[in-house]
PDB file of N, CA and C in Angstrom:
ATOM      1  N   MET A   1     -85.184   6.100 219.874  1.00  0.00           N
ATOM      2  CA  MET A   1     -84.924   4.882 219.116  1.00  0.00           C
ATOM      3  C   MET A   1     -84.785   3.712 220.086  1.00  0.00           C
ATOM      4  N   ARG A   2     -85.290   2.625 219.680  1.00  0.00           N
ATOM      5  CA  ARG A   2     -85.303   1.408 220.485  1.00  0.00           C
ATOM      6  C   ARG A   2     -83.961   0.675 220.460  1.00  0.00           C
ATOM      7  N   ASP A   3     -83.561   0.117 221.586  1.00  0.00           N
ATOM      8  CA  ASP A   3     -82.332  -0.663 221.668  1.00  0.00           C
ATOM      9  C   ASP A   3     -82.591  -2.061 221.113  1.00  0.00           C
ATOM     10  N   LEU A   4     -81.940  -2.384 220.021  1.00  0.00           N
ATOM     11  CA  LEU A   4     -82.110  -3.684 219.385  1.00  0.00           C
ATOM     12  C   LEU A   4     -80.834  -4.520 219.428  1.00  0.00           C
ATOM     13  N   THR A   5     -79.925  -4.179 220.330  1.00  0.00           N
ATOM     14  CA  THR A   5     -78.662  -4.906 220.395  1.00  0.00           C
ATOM     15  C   THR A   5     -78.861  -6.376 220.760  1.00  0.00           C
ATOM     16  N   TRP A   6     -79.983  -6.722 221.390  1.00  0.00           N
ATOM     17  CA  TRP A   6     -80.264  -8.111 221.727  1.00  0.00           C
ATOM     18  C   TRP A   6     -80.295  -8.974 220.467  1.00  0.00           C
ATOM     19  N   MET A   7     -80.623  -8.376 219.331  1.00  0.00           N
ATOM     20  CA  MET A   7     -80.698  -9.138 218.077  1.00  0.00           C
ATOM     21  C   MET A   7     -79.358  -9.742 217.686  1.00  0.00           C
ATOM     22  N   ASP A   8     -78.270  -9.136 218.142  1.00  0.00           N
ATOM     23  CA  ASP A   8     -76.935  -9.674 217.846  1.00  0.00           C
ATOM     24  C   ASP A   8     -76.744 -11.069 218.436  1.00  0.00           C
ATOM     25  N   ASP A   9     -77.452 -11.361 219.525  1.00  0.00           N
ATOM     26  CA  ASP A   9     -77.331 -12.654 220.190  1.00  0.00           C
ATOM     27  C   ASP A   9     -78.410 -13.648 219.772  1.00  0.00           C
ATOM     28  N   ALA A  10     -79.296 -13.236 218.898  1.00  0.00           N
ATOM     29  CA  ALA A  10     -80.386 -14.110 218.459  1.00  0.00           C
ATOM     30  C   ALA A  10     -79.852 -15.248 217.592  1.00  0.00           C
ATOM     31  N   LEU A  11     -80.272 -16.455 217.899  1.00  0.00           N
ATOM     32  CA  LEU A  11     -79.819 -17.615 217.121  1.00  0.00           C
ATOM     33  C   LEU A  11     -80.304 -17.557 215.678  1.00  0.00           C
ATOM     34  N   CYS A  12     -81.443 -16.931 215.443  1.00  0.00           N
ATOM     35  CA  CYS A  12     -81.954 -16.835 214.080  1.00  0.00           C
ATOM     36  C   CYS A  12     -81.027 -16.000 213.193  1.00  0.00           C
ATOM     37  N   ALA A  13     -80.314 -15.070 213.800  1.00  0.00           N
ATOM     38  CA  ALA A  13     -79.375 -14.244 213.045  1.00  0.00           C
ATOM     39  C   ALA A  13     -78.154 -15.041 212.611  1.00  0.00           C
ATOM     40  N   GLN A  14     -78.006 -16.234 213.162  1.00  0.00           N
ATOM     41  CA  GLN A  14     -76.853 -17.076 212.861  1.00  0.00           C
ATOM     42  C   GLN A  14     -77.224 -18.299 212.024  1.00  0.00           C
ATOM     43  N   THR A  15     -78.484 -18.336 211.551  1.00  0.00           N
ATOM     44  CA  THR A  15     -78.961 -19.481 210.771  1.00  0.00           C
ATOM     45  C   THR A  15     -79.615 -19.009 209.486  1.00  0.00           C
ATOM     46  N   ASP A  16     -80.104 -19.936 208.725  1.00  0.00           N
ATOM     47  CA  ASP A  16     -80.765 -19.652 207.455  1.00  0.00           C
ATOM     48  C   ASP A  16     -82.085 -18.921 207.701  1.00  0.00           C
ATOM     49  N   PRO A  17     -82.229 -17.695 207.246  1.00  0.00           N
ATOM     50  CA  PRO A  17     -83.468 -16.945 207.485  1.00  0.00           C
ATOM     51  C   PRO A  17     -84.697 -17.583 206.840  1.00  0.00           C
ATOM     52  N   GLU A  18     -84.496 -18.388 205.842  1.00  0.00           N
ATOM     53  CA  GLU A  18     -85.628 -19.048 205.181  1.00  0.00           C
ATOM     54  C   GLU A  18     -86.368 -19.989 206.131  1.00  0.00           C
ATOM     55  N   LEU A  19     -85.689 -20.497 207.146  1.00  0.00           N
ATOM     56  CA  LEU A  19     -86.344 -21.369 208.125  1.00  0.00           C
ATOM     57  C   LEU A  19     -87.459 -20.634 208.861  1.00  0.00           C
ATOM     58  N   PHE A  20     -87.307 -19.338 209.029  1.00  0.00           N
ATOM     59  CA  PHE A  20     -88.248 -18.538 209.805  1.00  0.00           C
ATOM     60  C   PHE A  20     -89.349 -17.919 208.954  1.00  0.00           C
ATOM     61  N   HIS A  21     -89.274 -18.163 207.657  1.00  0.00           N
ATOM     62  CA  HIS A  21     -90.267 -17.648 206.714  1.00  0.00           C
ATOM     63  C   HIS A  21     -90.611 -18.719 205.677  1.00  0.00           C
ATOM     64  N   PRO A  22     -91.111 -19.874 206.125  1.00  0.00           N
ATOM     65  CA  PRO A  22     -91.450 -20.928 205.168  1.00  0.00           C
ATOM     66  C   PRO A  22     -92.603 -20.482 204.272  1.00  0.00           C
ATOM     67  N   GLU A  23     -92.544 -20.888 203.034  1.00  0.00           N
ATOM     68  CA  GLU A  23     -93.561 -20.467 202.072  1.00  0.00           C
ATOM     69  C   GLU A  23     -94.482 -21.610 201.706  1.00  0.00           C
ATOM     70  N   GLY A  24     -95.648 -21.238 201.240  1.00  0.00           N
ATOM     71  CA  GLY A  24     -96.605 -22.219 200.746  1.00  0.00           C
ATOM     72  C   GLY A  24     -97.588 -22.672 201.797  1.00  0.00           C
ATOM     73  N   GLN A  25     -98.715 -23.129 201.312  1.00  0.00           N
ATOM     74  CA  GLN A  25     -99.750 -23.612 202.225  1.00  0.00           C
ATOM     75  C   GLN A  25     -99.244 -24.850 202.957  1.00  0.00           C
ATOM     76  N   GLY A  26     -99.450 -24.875 204.237  1.00  0.00           N
ATOM     77  CA  GLY A  26     -98.998 -26.002 205.044  1.00  0.00           C
ATOM     78  C   GLY A  26     -97.527 -25.946 205.391  1.00  0.00           C
ATOM     79  N   ALA A  27     -96.891 -24.774 205.180  1.00  0.00           N
ATOM     80  CA  ALA A  27     -95.475 -24.630 205.501  1.00  0.00           C
ATOM     81  C   ALA A  27     -95.250 -24.918 206.985  1.00  0.00           C
ATOM     82  N   LYS A  28     -94.150 -25.515 207.275  1.00  0.00           N
ATOM     83  CA  LYS A  28     -93.852 -25.955 208.646  1.00  0.00           C
ATOM     84  C   LYS A  28     -92.824 -25.049 209.316  1.00  0.00           C
ATOM     85  N   TYR A  29     -93.095 -24.709 210.555  1.00  0.00           N
ATOM     86  CA  TYR A  29     -92.201 -23.893 211.357  1.00  0.00           C
ATOM     87  C   TYR A  29     -91.385 -24.725 212.333  1.00  0.00           C
ATOM     88  N   GLY A  30     -91.462 -26.038 212.271  1.00  0.00           N
ATOM     89  CA  GLY A  30     -90.779 -26.902 213.230  1.00  0.00           C
ATOM     90  C   GLY A  30     -89.299 -26.599 213.412  1.00  0.00           C
ATOM     91  N   PRO A  31     -88.524 -26.525 212.335  1.00  0.00           N
ATOM     92  CA  PRO A  31     -87.093 -26.243 212.507  1.00  0.00           C
ATOM     93  C   PRO A  31     -86.835 -24.875 213.153  1.00  0.00           C
ATOM     94  N   ALA A  32     -87.603 -23.880 212.770  1.00  0.00           N
ATOM     95  CA  ALA A  32     -87.430 -22.544 213.354  1.00  0.00           C
ATOM     96  C   ALA A  32     -87.815 -22.547 214.831  1.00  0.00           C
ATOM     97  N   LYS A  33     -88.897 -23.236 215.152  1.00  0.00           N
ATOM     98  CA  LYS A  33     -89.370 -23.296 216.536  1.00  0.00           C
ATOM     99  C   LYS A  33     -88.310 -23.943 217.437  1.00  0.00           C
ATOM    100  N   ALA A  34     -87.654 -24.972 216.928  1.00  0.00           N
ATOM    101  CA  ALA A  34     -86.608 -25.646 217.704  1.00  0.00           C
ATOM    102  C   ALA A  34     -85.445 -24.697 217.993  1.00  0.00           C
ATOM    103  N   ILE A  35     -85.090 -23.881 217.027  1.00  0.00           N
ATOM    104  CA  ILE A  35     -84.014 -22.901 217.222  1.00  0.00           C
ATOM    105  C   ILE A  35     -84.460 -21.841 218.226  1.00  0.00           C
ATOM    106  N   CYS A  36     -85.675 -21.343 218.073  1.00  0.00           N
ATOM    107  CA  CYS A  36     -86.192 -20.312 218.989  1.00  0.00           C
ATOM    108  C   CYS A  36     -86.211 -20.795 220.433  1.00  0.00           C
ATOM    109  N   ARG A  37     -86.577 -22.019 220.636  1.00  0.00           N
ATOM    110  CA  ARG A  37     -86.675 -22.538 222.008  1.00  0.00           C
ATOM    111  C   ARG A  37     -85.331 -22.555 222.725  1.00  0.00           C
ATOM    112  N   GLU A  38     -84.250 -22.602 221.984  1.00  0.00           N
ATOM    113  CA  GLU A  38     -82.906 -22.609 222.571  1.00  0.00           C
ATOM    114  C   GLU A  38     -82.283 -21.214 222.616  1.00  0.00           C
ATOM    115  N   CYS A  39     -82.963 -20.223 222.084  1.00  0.00           N
ATOM    116  CA  CYS A  39     -82.397 -18.889 221.933  1.00  0.00           C
ATOM    117  C   CYS A  39     -82.326 -18.141 223.268  1.00  0.00           C
ATOM    118  N   PRO A  40     -81.178 -17.531 223.555  1.00  0.00           N
ATOM    119  CA  PRO A  40     -81.029 -16.815 224.820  1.00  0.00           C
ATOM    120  C   PRO A  40     -81.788 -15.488 224.881  1.00  0.00           C
ATOM    121  N   VAL A  41     -82.269 -15.001 223.757  1.00  0.00           N
ATOM    122  CA  VAL A  41     -82.981 -13.714 223.749  1.00  0.00           C
ATOM    123  C   VAL A  41     -84.451 -13.874 223.353  1.00  0.00           C
ATOM    124  N   GLN A  42     -85.006 -15.046 223.580  1.00  0.00           N
ATOM    125  CA  GLN A  42     -86.382 -15.308 223.195  1.00  0.00           C
ATOM    126  C   GLN A  42     -87.358 -14.319 223.847  1.00  0.00           C
ATOM    127  N   ALA A  43     -87.151 -13.970 225.101  1.00  0.00           N
ATOM    128  CA  ALA A  43     -88.053 -13.029 225.783  1.00  0.00           C
ATOM    129  C   ALA A  43     -88.001 -11.649 225.123  1.00  0.00           C
ATOM    130  N   ASP A  44     -86.801 -11.194 224.774  1.00  0.00           N
ATOM    131  CA  ASP A  44     -86.669  -9.904 224.086  1.00  0.00           C
ATOM    132  C   ASP A  44     -87.354  -9.948 222.731  1.00  0.00           C
ATOM    133  N   CYS A  45     -87.190 -11.051 222.036  1.00  0.00           N
ATOM    134  CA  CYS A  45     -87.806 -11.238 220.725  1.00  0.00           C
ATOM    135  C   CYS A  45     -89.328 -11.205 220.841  1.00  0.00           C
ATOM    136  N   ASP A  46     -89.848 -11.866 221.860  1.00  0.00           N
ATOM    137  CA  ASP A  46     -91.295 -11.891 222.069  1.00  0.00           C
ATOM    138  C   ASP A  46     -91.819 -10.487 222.362  1.00  0.00           C
ATOM    139  N   ASP A  47     -91.123  -9.750 223.213  1.00  0.00           N
ATOM    140  CA  ASP A  47     -91.520  -8.370 223.510  1.00  0.00           C
ATOM    141  C   ASP A  47     -91.516  -7.524 222.241  1.00  0.00           C
ATOM    142  N   PHE A  48     -90.478  -7.682 221.429  1.00  0.00           N
ATOM    143  CA  PHE A  48     -90.360  -6.926 220.191  1.00  0.00           C
ATOM    144  C   PHE A  48     -91.504  -7.276 219.243  1.00  0.00           C
ATOM    145  N   ALA A  49     -91.748  -8.558 219.060  1.00  0.00           N
ATOM    146  CA  ALA A  49     -92.816  -8.992 218.154  1.00  0.00           C
ATOM    147  C   ALA A  49     -94.177  -8.487 218.610  1.00  0.00           C
ATOM    148  N   GLN A  50     -94.437  -8.532 219.899  1.00  0.00           N
ATOM    149  CA  GLN A  50     -95.715  -8.047 220.418  1.00  0.00           C
ATOM    150  C   GLN A  50     -95.859  -6.543 220.255  1.00  0.00           C
ATOM    151  N   SER A  51     -94.756  -5.833 220.309  1.00  0.00           N
ATOM    152  CA  SER A  51     -94.824  -4.379 220.211  1.00  0.00           C
ATOM    153  C   SER A  51     -95.208  -3.908 218.818  1.00  0.00           C
ATOM    154  N   PHE A  52     -94.911  -4.699 217.808  1.00  0.00           N
ATOM    155  CA  PHE A  52     -95.286  -4.246 216.465  1.00  0.00           C
ATOM    156  C   PHE A  52     -96.433  -5.022 215.858  1.00  0.00           C
ATOM    157  N   GLU A  53     -96.959  -6.007 216.539  1.00  0.00           N
ATOM    158  CA  GLU A  53     -98.086  -6.783 216.016  1.00  0.00           C
ATOM    159  C   GLU A  53     -99.268  -5.859 215.761  1.00  0.00           C
ATOM    160  N   GLY A  54     -99.718  -5.831 214.528  1.00  0.00           N
ATOM    161  CA  GLY A  54    -100.864  -5.015 214.156  1.00  0.00           C
ATOM    162  C   GLY A  54    -100.544  -3.560 213.881  1.00  0.00           C
ATOM    163  N   THR A  55     -99.259  -3.175 213.959  1.00  0.00           N
ATOM    164  CA  THR A  55     -98.933  -1.762 213.769  1.00  0.00           C
ATOM    165  C   THR A  55     -98.036  -1.490 212.571  1.00  0.00           C
ATOM    166  N   VAL A  56     -97.473  -2.512 211.969  1.00  0.00           N
ATOM    167  CA  VAL A  56     -96.561  -2.312 210.835  1.00  0.00           C
ATOM    168  C   VAL A  56     -96.988  -3.172 209.664  1.00  0.00           C
ATOM    169  N   ALA A  57     -96.288  -2.994 208.573  1.00  0.00           N
ATOM    170  CA  ALA A  57     -96.600  -3.737 207.357  1.00  0.00           C
ATOM    171  C   ALA A  57     -96.591  -5.235 207.606  1.00  0.00           C
ATOM    172  N   LYS A  58     -97.432  -5.928 206.899  1.00  0.00           N
ATOM    173  CA  LYS A  58     -97.563  -7.371 207.072  1.00  0.00           C
ATOM    174  C   LYS A  58     -96.227  -8.094 206.894  1.00  0.00           C
ATOM    175  N   THR A  59     -95.376  -7.602 206.026  1.00  0.00           N
ATOM    176  CA  THR A  59     -94.083  -8.266 205.801  1.00  0.00           C
ATOM    177  C   THR A  59     -93.245  -8.290 207.065  1.00  0.00           C
ATOM    178  N   HIS A  60     -93.386  -7.316 207.945  1.00  0.00           N
ATOM    179  CA  HIS A  60     -92.631  -7.306 209.186  1.00  0.00           C
ATOM    180  C   HIS A  60     -93.247  -8.216 210.230  1.00  0.00           C
ATOM    181  N   ARG A  61     -94.512  -8.542 210.080  1.00  0.00           N
ATOM    182  CA  ARG A  61     -95.181  -9.420 211.037  1.00  0.00           C
ATOM    183  C   ARG A  61     -95.032 -10.885 210.651  1.00  0.00           C
ATOM    184  N   ALA A  62     -94.649 -11.150 209.427  1.00  0.00           N
ATOM    185  CA  ALA A  62     -94.570 -12.521 208.934  1.00  0.00           C
ATOM    186  C   ALA A  62     -93.426 -13.278 209.579  1.00  0.00           C
ATOM    187  N   GLY A  63     -93.548 -14.578 209.544  1.00  0.00           N
ATOM    188  CA  GLY A  63     -92.464 -15.423 210.011  1.00  0.00           C
ATOM    189  C   GLY A  63     -92.513 -15.727 211.495  1.00  0.00           C
ATOM    190  N   MET A  64     -91.622 -16.599 211.888  1.00  0.00           N
ATOM    191  CA  MET A  64     -91.506 -17.039 213.273  1.00  0.00           C
ATOM    192  C   MET A  64     -90.779 -15.982 214.089  1.00  0.00           C
ATOM    193  N   TRP A  65     -91.353 -15.610 215.221  1.00  0.00           N
ATOM    194  CA  TRP A  65     -90.737 -14.711 216.190  1.00  0.00           C
ATOM    195  C   TRP A  65     -90.964 -15.327 217.557  1.00  0.00           C
ATOM    196  N   ALA A  66     -89.914 -15.519 218.324  1.00  0.00           N
ATOM    197  CA  ALA A  66     -90.006 -16.037 219.696  1.00  0.00           C
ATOM    198  C   ALA A  66     -90.783 -17.350 219.764  1.00  0.00           C
ATOM    199  N   ALA A  67     -90.530 -18.216 218.812  1.00  0.00           N
ATOM    200  CA  ALA A  67     -91.159 -19.544 218.740  1.00  0.00           C
ATOM    201  C   ALA A  67     -92.677 -19.472 218.522  1.00  0.00           C
ATOM    202  N   LYS A  68     -93.150 -18.355 217.951  1.00  0.00           N
ATOM    203  CA  LYS A  68     -94.580 -18.210 217.672  1.00  0.00           C
ATOM    204  C   LYS A  68     -94.787 -17.886 216.194  1.00  0.00           C
ATOM    205  N   SER A  69     -95.711 -18.598 215.582  1.00  0.00           N
ATOM    206  CA  SER A  69     -96.069 -18.333 214.191  1.00  0.00           C
ATOM    207  C   SER A  69     -96.906 -17.060 214.129  1.00  0.00           C
ATOM    208  N   PRO A  70     -97.118 -16.497 212.947  1.00  0.00           N
ATOM    209  CA  PRO A  70     -97.974 -15.311 212.849  1.00  0.00           C
ATOM    210  C   PRO A  70     -99.365 -15.552 213.442  1.00  0.00           C
ATOM    211  N   GLN A  71     -99.909 -16.715 213.231  1.00  0.00           N
ATOM    212  CA  GLN A  71    -101.238 -17.033 213.755  1.00  0.00           C
ATOM    213  C   GLN A  71    -101.226 -17.090 215.282  1.00  0.00           C
ATOM    214  N   GLN A  72    -100.175 -17.667 215.847  1.00  0.00           N
ATOM    215  CA  GLN A  72    -100.072 -17.740 217.307  1.00  0.00           C
ATOM    216  C   GLN A  72     -99.919 -16.358 217.926  1.00  0.00           C
ATOM    217  N   ARG A  73     -99.143 -15.489 217.283  1.00  0.00           N
ATOM    218  CA  ARG A  73     -98.990 -14.120 217.793  1.00  0.00           C
ATOM    219  C   ARG A  73    -100.304 -13.360 217.684  1.00  0.00           C
ATOM    220  N   GLU A  74    -101.014 -13.543 216.599  1.00  0.00           N
ATOM    221  CA  GLU A  74    -102.293 -12.867 216.420  1.00  0.00           C
ATOM    222  C   GLU A  74    -103.290 -13.327 217.496  1.00  0.00           C
ATOM    223  N   HIS A  75    -103.321 -14.614 217.736  1.00  0.00           N
ATOM    224  CA  HIS A  75    -104.209 -15.160 218.757  1.00  0.00           C
ATOM    225  C   HIS A  75    -103.851 -14.600 220.137  1.00  0.00           C
ATOM    226  N   ALA A  76    -102.562 -14.548 220.444  1.00  0.00           N
ATOM    227  CA  ALA A  76    -102.108 -14.014 221.734  1.00  0.00           C
ATOM    228  C   ALA A  76    -102.465 -12.535 221.871  1.00  0.00           C
ATOM    229  N   ALA A  77    -102.315 -11.784 220.781  1.00  0.00           N
ATOM    230  CA  ALA A  77    -102.637 -10.349 220.825  1.00  0.00           C
ATOM    231  C   ALA A  77    -104.125 -10.137 221.067  1.00  0.00           C
ATOM    232  N   LYS A  78    -104.961 -10.963 220.472  1.00  0.00           N
ATOM    233  CA  LYS A  78    -106.413 -10.842 220.676  1.00  0.00           C
ATOM    234  C   LYS A  78    -106.769 -11.194 222.106  1.00  0.00           C
ATOM    235  N   GLY A  79    -106.083 -12.165 222.681  1.00  0.00           N
ATOM    236  CA  GLY A  79    -106.345 -12.585 224.057  1.00  0.00           C
ATOM    237  C   GLY A  79    -105.923 -11.513 225.049  1.00  0.00           C
ATOM    238  N   ALA A  80    -104.915 -10.736 224.704  1.00  0.00           N
ATOM    239  CA  ALA A  80    -104.433  -9.697 225.596  1.00  0.00           C
ATOM    240  C   ALA A  80    -105.276  -8.429 225.524  1.00  0.00           C
ATOM    241  N   ALA A  81    -106.047  -8.318 224.465  1.00  0.00           N
ATOM    242  CA  ALA A  81    -106.863  -7.107 224.277  1.00  0.00           C
ATOM    243  C   ALA A  81    -108.090  -7.093 225.158  1.00  0.00           C
TER     244      ALA A  81
END
């Protein structure tokens, strides 16, 4: 089992989760991105997000992770392949 204790220190865990999952076409991630940029566990979050990109249900891939939108993570994953 993976150690996820870093999530306890994530700033997103201390804010409105809706900020990280905006709905609708043209939804903005600006507020979530600002929080992510200040987060002390952003590197852990990025590693976690990359580890499950393309391997789990779409609902787990949705939303802002480590200051990256789903599209940005997908683009990064394709570049790493």
